[in-house]
Amino acid sequence: NFPRIKKAHQNYGGTYFQRLISFNSTYNS
């Protein structure tokens, strides 16, 4: 669901949970 979540303008750089479960990745993998 992250590609949808990232569409919110304040999530342009990612989210904290995305960094926690997929650190050092592309934003949609």
PDB file of all heavy atoms in Angstrom:
ATOM      1  N   ASN A   1       0.799  -1.221   0.000  1.00  0.00           N
ATOM      2  CA  ASN A   1       0.000   0.000   0.000  1.00  0.00           C
ATOM      3  C   ASN A   1       0.836   1.277   0.000  1.00  0.00           C
ATOM      4  O   ASN A   1       0.275   2.369  -0.099  1.00  0.00           O
ATOM      5  CB  ASN A   1      -0.926   0.018   1.221  1.00  0.00           C
ATOM      6  CG  ASN A   1      -2.138  -0.874   1.055  1.00  0.00           C
ATOM      7  OD1 ASN A   1      -3.157  -0.452   0.513  1.00  0.00           O
ATOM      8  ND2 ASN A   1      -2.027  -2.115   1.518  1.00  0.00           N
ATOM      9  N   PHE A   2       2.169   1.130   0.099  1.00  0.00           N
ATOM     10  CA  PHE A   2       2.988   2.319   0.264  1.00  0.00           C
ATOM     11  C   PHE A   2       2.920   3.296  -0.912  1.00  0.00           C
ATOM     12  O   PHE A   2       2.910   4.521  -0.688  1.00  0.00           O
ATOM     13  CB  PHE A   2       4.445   1.959   0.559  1.00  0.00           C
ATOM     14  CG  PHE A   2       5.257   3.154   0.933  1.00  0.00           C
ATOM     15  CD1 PHE A   2       5.051   3.794   2.142  1.00  0.00           C
ATOM     16  CD2 PHE A   2       6.203   3.678   0.059  1.00  0.00           C
ATOM     17  CE1 PHE A   2       5.783   4.928   2.483  1.00  0.00           C
ATOM     18  CE2 PHE A   2       6.933   4.805   0.394  1.00  0.00           C
ATOM     19  CZ  PHE A   2       6.717   5.429   1.610  1.00  0.00           C
ATOM     20  N   PRO A   3       2.851   2.850  -2.166  1.00  0.00           N
ATOM     21  CA  PRO A   3       2.715   3.831  -3.254  1.00  0.00           C
ATOM     22  C   PRO A   3       1.492   4.743  -3.066  1.00  0.00           C
ATOM     23  O   PRO A   3       1.564   5.935  -3.360  1.00  0.00           O
ATOM     24  CB  PRO A   3       2.579   2.946  -4.495  1.00  0.00           C
ATOM     25  CG  PRO A   3       3.328   1.708  -4.138  1.00  0.00           C
ATOM     26  CD  PRO A   3       3.043   1.475  -2.686  1.00  0.00           C
ATOM     27  N   ARG A   4       0.401   4.179  -2.554  1.00  0.00           N
ATOM     28  CA  ARG A   4      -0.782   5.006  -2.277  1.00  0.00           C
ATOM     29  C   ARG A   4      -0.536   5.938  -1.095  1.00  0.00           C
ATOM     30  O   ARG A   4      -0.889   7.119  -1.133  1.00  0.00           O
ATOM     31  CB  ARG A   4      -1.983   4.094  -1.989  1.00  0.00           C
ATOM     32  CG  ARG A   4      -3.237   4.845  -1.545  1.00  0.00           C
ATOM     33  CD  ARG A   4      -4.363   3.884  -1.186  1.00  0.00           C
ATOM     34  NE  ARG A   4      -3.998   2.983  -0.113  1.00  0.00           N
ATOM     35  CZ  ARG A   4      -4.024   3.315   1.178  1.00  0.00           C
ATOM     36  NH1 ARG A   4      -4.360   4.529   1.550  1.00  0.00           N
ATOM     37  NH2 ARG A   4      -3.692   2.421   2.095  1.00  0.00           N
ATOM     38  N   ILE A   5       0.084   5.416  -0.047  1.00  0.00           N
ATOM     39  CA  ILE A   5       0.360   6.217   1.151  1.00  0.00           C
ATOM     40  C   ILE A   5       1.270   7.400   0.807  1.00  0.00           C
ATOM     41  O   ILE A   5       1.091   8.501   1.301  1.00  0.00           O
ATOM     42  CB  ILE A   5       1.010   5.335   2.237  1.00  0.00           C
ATOM     43  CG1 ILE A   5       0.008   4.273   2.715  1.00  0.00           C
ATOM     44  CG2 ILE A   5       1.515   6.160   3.399  1.00  0.00           C
ATOM     45  CD1 ILE A   5       0.619   3.169   3.565  1.00  0.00           C
ATOM     46  N   LYS A   6       2.228   7.161  -0.075  1.00  0.00           N
ATOM     47  CA  LYS A   6       3.221   8.182  -0.420  1.00  0.00           C
ATOM     48  C   LYS A   6       2.622   9.327  -1.238  1.00  0.00           C
ATOM     49  O   LYS A   6       3.224  10.398  -1.346  1.00  0.00           O
ATOM     50  CB  LYS A   6       4.371   7.528  -1.183  1.00  0.00           C
ATOM     51  CG  LYS A   6       5.584   8.425  -1.381  1.00  0.00           C
ATOM     52  CD  LYS A   6       6.716   7.637  -2.015  1.00  0.00           C
ATOM     53  CE  LYS A   6       7.920   8.544  -2.241  1.00  0.00           C
ATOM     54  NZ  LYS A   6       7.692   9.535  -3.297  1.00  0.00           N
ATOM     55  N   LYS A   7       1.418   9.132  -1.773  1.00  0.00           N
ATOM     56  CA  LYS A   7       0.799  10.194  -2.569  1.00  0.00           C
ATOM     57  C   LYS A   7       0.409  11.400  -1.720  1.00  0.00           C
ATOM     58  O   LYS A   7       0.282  12.509  -2.247  1.00  0.00           O
ATOM     59  CB  LYS A   7      -0.433   9.642  -3.297  1.00  0.00           C
ATOM     60  CG  LYS A   7      -0.079   8.734  -4.467  1.00  0.00           C
ATOM     61  CD  LYS A   7      -1.329   8.236  -5.179  1.00  0.00           C
ATOM     62  CE  LYS A   7      -0.967   7.329  -6.342  1.00  0.00           C
ATOM     63  NZ  LYS A   7      -2.180   6.810  -7.032  1.00  0.00           N
ATOM     64  N   ALA A   8       0.203  11.185  -0.416  1.00  0.00           N
ATOM     65  CA  ALA A   8      -0.066  12.334   0.465  1.00  0.00           C
ATOM     66  C   ALA A   8       1.154  13.240   0.458  1.00  0.00           C
ATOM     67  O   ALA A   8       2.287  12.768   0.623  1.00  0.00           O
ATOM     68  CB  ALA A   8      -0.372  11.846   1.880  1.00  0.00           C
ATOM     69  N   HIS A   9       0.949  14.548   0.269  1.00  0.00           N
ATOM     70  CA  HIS A   9       2.076  15.445   0.031  1.00  0.00           C
ATOM     71  C   HIS A   9       3.078  15.443   1.184  1.00  0.00           C
ATOM     72  O   HIS A   9       4.279  15.611   0.972  1.00  0.00           O
ATOM     73  CB  HIS A   9       1.580  16.866  -0.237  1.00  0.00           C
ATOM     74  CG  HIS A   9       1.022  17.575   0.958  1.00  0.00           C
ATOM     75  ND1 HIS A   9      -0.262  17.357   1.421  1.00  0.00           N
ATOM     76  CD2 HIS A   9       1.578  18.479   1.796  1.00  0.00           C
ATOM     77  CE1 HIS A   9      -0.474  18.109   2.484  1.00  0.00           C
ATOM     78  NE2 HIS A   9       0.612  18.794   2.734  1.00  0.00           N
ATOM     79  N   GLN A  10       2.595  15.218   2.405  1.00  0.00           N
ATOM     80  CA  GLN A  10       3.522  15.239   3.536  1.00  0.00           C
ATOM     81  C   GLN A  10       4.334  13.947   3.648  1.00  0.00           C
ATOM     82  O   GLN A  10       5.245  13.863   4.470  1.00  0.00           O
ATOM     83  CB  GLN A  10       2.745  15.492   4.838  1.00  0.00           C
ATOM     84  CG  GLN A  10       2.135  16.895   4.869  1.00  0.00           C
ATOM     85  CD  GLN A  10       1.624  17.285   6.238  1.00  0.00           C
ATOM     86  OE1 GLN A  10       2.259  17.038   7.242  1.00  0.00           O
ATOM     87  NE2 GLN A  10       0.466  17.918   6.271  1.00  0.00           N
ATOM     88  N   ASN A  11       4.021  12.952   2.823  1.00  0.00           N
ATOM     89  CA  ASN A  11       4.779  11.697   2.821  1.00  0.00           C
ATOM     90  C   ASN A  11       5.739  11.610   1.639  1.00  0.00           C
ATOM     91  O   ASN A  11       6.190  10.520   1.280  1.00  0.00           O
ATOM     92  CB  ASN A  11       3.817  10.501   2.778  1.00  0.00           C
ATOM     93  CG  ASN A  11       2.995  10.373   4.045  1.00  0.00           C
ATOM     94  OD1 ASN A  11       3.376  10.869   5.096  1.00  0.00           O
ATOM     95  ND2 ASN A  11       1.849   9.704   3.942  1.00  0.00           N
ATOM     96  N   TYR A  12       6.065  12.755   1.047  1.00  0.00           N
ATOM     97  CA  TYR A  12       6.893  12.745  -0.161  1.00  0.00           C
ATOM     98  C   TYR A  12       8.253  12.097   0.072  1.00  0.00           C
ATOM     99  O   TYR A  12       8.830  11.492  -0.824  1.00  0.00           O
ATOM    100  CB  TYR A  12       7.090  14.178  -0.679  1.00  0.00           C
ATOM    101  CG  TYR A  12       7.958  15.035   0.219  1.00  0.00           C
ATOM    102  CD1 TYR A  12       9.329  15.137   0.015  1.00  0.00           C
ATOM    103  CD2 TYR A  12       7.404  15.742   1.279  1.00  0.00           C
ATOM    104  CE1 TYR A  12      10.125  15.903   0.849  1.00  0.00           C
ATOM    105  CE2 TYR A  12       8.193  16.516   2.113  1.00  0.00           C
ATOM    106  CZ  TYR A  12       9.549  16.588   1.897  1.00  0.00           C
ATOM    107  OH  TYR A  12      10.323  17.346   2.732  1.00  0.00           O
ATOM    108  N   GLY A  13       8.782  12.191   1.288  1.00  0.00           N
ATOM    109  CA  GLY A  13      10.092  11.616   1.574  1.00  0.00           C
ATOM    110  C   GLY A  13      10.024  10.225   2.172  1.00  0.00           C
ATOM    111  O   GLY A  13      11.059   9.641   2.481  1.00  0.00           O
ATOM    112  N   GLY A  14       8.823   9.707   2.332  1.00  0.00           N
ATOM    113  CA  GLY A  14       8.637   8.406   2.963  1.00  0.00           C
ATOM    114  C   GLY A  14       7.867   8.558   4.257  1.00  0.00           C
ATOM    115  O   GLY A  14       7.352   9.631   4.586  1.00  0.00           O
ATOM    116  N   THR A  15       7.765   7.473   4.992  1.00  0.00           N
ATOM    117  CA  THR A  15       7.154   7.509   6.324  1.00  0.00           C
ATOM    118  C   THR A  15       8.108   6.832   7.298  1.00  0.00           C
ATOM    119  O   THR A  15       9.026   6.109   6.901  1.00  0.00           O
ATOM    120  CB  THR A  15       5.797   6.771   6.365  1.00  0.00           C
ATOM    121  OG1 THR A  15       6.022   5.376   6.161  1.00  0.00           O
ATOM    122  CG2 THR A  15       4.825   7.314   5.325  1.00  0.00           C
ATOM    123  N   TYR A  16       7.867   7.051   8.558  1.00  0.00           N
ATOM    124  CA  TYR A  16       8.736   6.463   9.570  1.00  0.00           C
ATOM    125  C   TYR A  16       8.647   4.944   9.569  1.00  0.00           C
ATOM    126  O   TYR A  16       9.666   4.249   9.669  1.00  0.00           O
ATOM    127  CB  TYR A  16       8.396   7.034  10.947  1.00  0.00           C
ATOM    128  CG  TYR A  16       8.552   8.530  10.998  1.00  0.00           C
ATOM    129  CD1 TYR A  16       7.470   9.357  11.276  1.00  0.00           C
ATOM    130  CD2 TYR A  16       9.783   9.126  10.736  1.00  0.00           C
ATOM    131  CE1 TYR A  16       7.616  10.731  11.305  1.00  0.00           C
ATOM    132  CE2 TYR A  16       9.936  10.501  10.759  1.00  0.00           C
ATOM    133  CZ  TYR A  16       8.843  11.305  11.040  1.00  0.00           C
ATOM    134  OH  TYR A  16       9.001  12.669  11.052  1.00  0.00           O
ATOM    135  N   PHE A  17       7.430   4.426   9.420  1.00  0.00           N
ATOM    136  CA  PHE A  17       7.290   2.966   9.433  1.00  0.00           C
ATOM    137  C   PHE A  17       7.970   2.348   8.215  1.00  0.00           C
ATOM    138  O   PHE A  17       8.584   1.278   8.310  1.00  0.00           O
ATOM    139  CB  PHE A  17       5.817   2.565   9.494  1.00  0.00           C
ATOM    140  CG  PHE A  17       5.614   1.110   9.776  1.00  0.00           C
ATOM    141  CD1 PHE A  17       5.939   0.570  11.017  1.00  0.00           C
ATOM    142  CD2 PHE A  17       5.113   0.243   8.808  1.00  0.00           C
ATOM    143  CE1 PHE A  17       5.767  -0.779  11.291  1.00  0.00           C
ATOM    144  CE2 PHE A  17       4.934  -1.100   9.073  1.00  0.00           C
ATOM    145  CZ  PHE A  17       5.265  -1.622  10.315  1.00  0.00           C
ATOM    146  N   GLN A  18       7.905   3.014   7.081  1.00  0.00           N
ATOM    147  CA  GLN A  18       8.587   2.509   5.886  1.00  0.00           C
ATOM    148  C   GLN A  18      10.088   2.442   6.110  1.00  0.00           C
ATOM    149  O   GLN A  18      10.755   1.477   5.715  1.00  0.00           O
ATOM    150  CB  GLN A  18       8.257   3.404   4.692  1.00  0.00           C
ATOM    151  CG  GLN A  18       8.852   2.924   3.379  1.00  0.00           C
ATOM    152  CD  GLN A  18      10.095   3.701   2.976  1.00  0.00           C
ATOM    153  OE1 GLN A  18      10.361   4.791   3.489  1.00  0.00           O
ATOM    154  NE2 GLN A  18      10.862   3.141   2.056  1.00  0.00           N
ATOM    155  N   ARG A  19      10.647   3.450   6.793  1.00  0.00           N
ATOM    156  CA  ARG A  19      12.077   3.422   7.098  1.00  0.00           C
ATOM    157  C   ARG A  19      12.407   2.293   8.082  1.00  0.00           C
ATOM    158  O   ARG A  19      13.488   1.722   8.047  1.00  0.00           O
ATOM    159  CB  ARG A  19      12.508   4.763   7.689  1.00  0.00           C
ATOM    160  CG  ARG A  19      12.409   5.954   6.715  1.00  0.00           C
ATOM    161  CD  ARG A  19      13.654   6.116   5.880  1.00  0.00           C
ATOM    162  NE  ARG A  19      13.564   7.224   4.948  1.00  0.00           N
ATOM    163  CZ  ARG A  19      14.238   8.368   5.057  1.00  0.00           C
ATOM    164  NH1 ARG A  19      15.019   8.569   6.098  1.00  0.00           N
ATOM    165  NH2 ARG A  19      14.117   9.308   4.140  1.00  0.00           N
ATOM    166  N   LEU A  20      11.478   1.994   8.988  1.00  0.00           N
ATOM    167  CA  LEU A  20      11.724   0.951   9.979  1.00  0.00           C
ATOM    168  C   LEU A  20      11.712  -0.442   9.368  1.00  0.00           C
ATOM    169  O   LEU A  20      12.473  -1.313   9.791  1.00  0.00           O
ATOM    170  CB  LEU A  20      10.671   1.036  11.096  1.00  0.00           C
ATOM    171  CG  LEU A  20      10.804   2.226  12.059  1.00  0.00           C
ATOM    172  CD1 LEU A  20       9.560   2.336  12.931  1.00  0.00           C
ATOM    173  CD2 LEU A  20      12.055   2.089  12.922  1.00  0.00           C
ATOM    174  N   ILE A  21      10.852  -0.671   8.371  1.00  0.00           N
ATOM    175  CA  ILE A  21      10.742  -2.024   7.814  1.00  0.00           C
ATOM    176  C   ILE A  21      11.432  -2.186   6.471  1.00  0.00           C
ATOM    177  O   ILE A  21      11.545  -3.309   5.957  1.00  0.00           O
ATOM    178  CB  ILE A  21       9.264  -2.471   7.682  1.00  0.00           C
ATOM    179  CG1 ILE A  21       8.517  -1.632   6.648  1.00  0.00           C
ATOM    180  CG2 ILE A  21       8.558  -2.431   9.026  1.00  0.00           C
ATOM    181  CD1 ILE A  21       7.135  -2.168   6.292  1.00  0.00           C
ATOM    182  N   SER A  22      11.941  -1.082   5.902  1.00  0.00           N
ATOM    183  CA  SER A  22      12.598  -1.180   4.597  1.00  0.00           C
ATOM    184  C   SER A  22      13.643  -0.075   4.449  1.00  0.00           C
ATOM    185  O   SER A  22      13.664   0.658   3.466  1.00  0.00           O
ATOM    186  CB  SER A  22      11.553  -1.097   3.474  1.00  0.00           C
ATOM    187  OG  SER A  22      12.143  -1.390   2.224  1.00  0.00           O
ATOM    188  N   PHE A  23      14.520   0.018   5.439  1.00  0.00           N
ATOM    189  CA  PHE A  23      15.538   1.077   5.437  1.00  0.00           C
ATOM    190  C   PHE A  23      16.523   0.860   4.288  1.00  0.00           C
ATOM    191  O   PHE A  23      16.914  -0.261   3.976  1.00  0.00           O
ATOM    192  CB  PHE A  23      16.295   1.068   6.761  1.00  0.00           C
ATOM    193  CG  PHE A  23      17.181   2.260   6.956  1.00  0.00           C
ATOM    194  CD1 PHE A  23      16.655   3.463   7.408  1.00  0.00           C
ATOM    195  CD2 PHE A  23      18.539   2.188   6.694  1.00  0.00           C
ATOM    196  CE1 PHE A  23      17.465   4.575   7.595  1.00  0.00           C
ATOM    197  CE2 PHE A  23      19.364   3.291   6.883  1.00  0.00           C
ATOM    198  CZ  PHE A  23      18.822   4.492   7.326  1.00  0.00           C
ATOM    199  N   ASN A  24      16.920   1.984   3.668  1.00  0.00           N
ATOM    200  CA  ASN A  24      17.903   1.931   2.585  1.00  0.00           C
ATOM    201  C   ASN A  24      17.353   1.227   1.355  1.00  0.00           C
ATOM    202  O   ASN A  24      18.050   0.516   0.652  1.00  0.00           O
ATOM    203  CB  ASN A  24      19.192   1.230   3.052  1.00  0.00           C
ATOM    204  CG  ASN A  24      20.328   1.395   2.061  1.00  0.00           C
ATOM    205  OD1 ASN A  24      20.333   2.333   1.265  1.00  0.00           O
ATOM    206  ND2 ASN A  24      21.284   0.478   2.090  1.00  0.00           N
ATOM    207  N   SER A  25      16.059   1.439   1.089  1.00  0.00           N
ATOM    208  CA  SER A  25      15.451   0.834  -0.097  1.00  0.00           C
ATOM    209  C   SER A  25      14.911   1.929  -0.994  1.00  0.00           C
ATOM    210  O   SER A  25      14.862   3.102  -0.621  1.00  0.00           O
ATOM    211  CB  SER A  25      14.295  -0.087   0.302  1.00  0.00           C
ATOM    212  OG  SER A  25      13.192   0.689   0.732  1.00  0.00           O
ATOM    213  N   THR A  26      14.471   1.526  -2.189  1.00  0.00           N
ATOM    214  CA  THR A  26      13.673   2.448  -2.980  1.00  0.00           C
ATOM    215  C   THR A  26      12.322   2.563  -2.301  1.00  0.00           C
ATOM    216  O   THR A  26      11.934   1.718  -1.506  1.00  0.00           O
ATOM    217  CB  THR A  26      13.497   1.917  -4.417  1.00  0.00           C
ATOM    218  OG1 THR A  26      12.914   0.612  -4.355  1.00  0.00           O
ATOM    219  CG2 THR A  26      14.824   1.835  -5.127  1.00  0.00           C
ATOM    220  N   TYR A  27      11.589   3.639  -2.615  1.00  0.00           N
ATOM    221  CA  TYR A  27      10.381   3.937  -1.859  1.00  0.00           C
ATOM    222  C   TYR A  27       9.235   2.950  -2.099  1.00  0.00           C
ATOM    223  O   TYR A  27       8.275   2.929  -1.359  1.00  0.00           O
ATOM    224  CB  TYR A  27       9.902   5.351  -2.178  1.00  0.00           C
ATOM    225  CG  TYR A  27      10.786   6.420  -1.602  1.00  0.00           C
ATOM    226  CD1 TYR A  27      11.136   7.527  -2.353  1.00  0.00           C
ATOM    227  CD2 TYR A  27      11.284   6.320  -0.307  1.00  0.00           C
ATOM    228  CE1 TYR A  27      11.953   8.525  -1.823  1.00  0.00           C
ATOM    229  CE2 TYR A  27      12.100   7.303   0.232  1.00  0.00           C
ATOM    230  CZ  TYR A  27      12.427   8.402  -0.528  1.00  0.00           C
ATOM    231  OH  TYR A  27      13.230   9.378  -0.012  1.00  0.00           O
ATOM    232  N   ASN A  28       9.315   2.137  -3.133  1.00  0.00           N
ATOM    233  CA  ASN A  28       8.190   1.242  -3.416  1.00  0.00           C
ATOM    234  C   ASN A  28       8.614  -0.224  -3.427  1.00  0.00           C
ATOM    235  O   ASN A  28       8.033  -1.052  -4.102  1.00  0.00           O
ATOM    236  CB  ASN A  28       7.563   1.603  -4.764  1.00  0.00           C
ATOM    237  CG  ASN A  28       8.567   1.500  -5.902  1.00  0.00           C
ATOM    238  OD1 ASN A  28       9.750   1.282  -5.664  1.00  0.00           O
ATOM    239  ND2 ASN A  28       8.086   1.662  -7.126  1.00  0.00           N
ATOM    240  N   SER A  29       9.660  -0.559  -2.663  1.00  0.00           N
ATOM    241  CA  SER A  29      10.099  -1.948  -2.632  1.00  0.00           C
ATOM    242  C   SER A  29      10.362  -2.398  -1.212  1.00  0.00           C
ATOM    243  O   SER A  29      10.379  -1.609  -0.282  1.00  0.00           O
ATOM    244  CB  SER A  29      11.385  -2.116  -3.457  1.00  0.00           C
ATOM    245  OG  SER A  29      12.498  -1.641  -2.712  1.00  0.00           O
TER     246      SER A  29
END
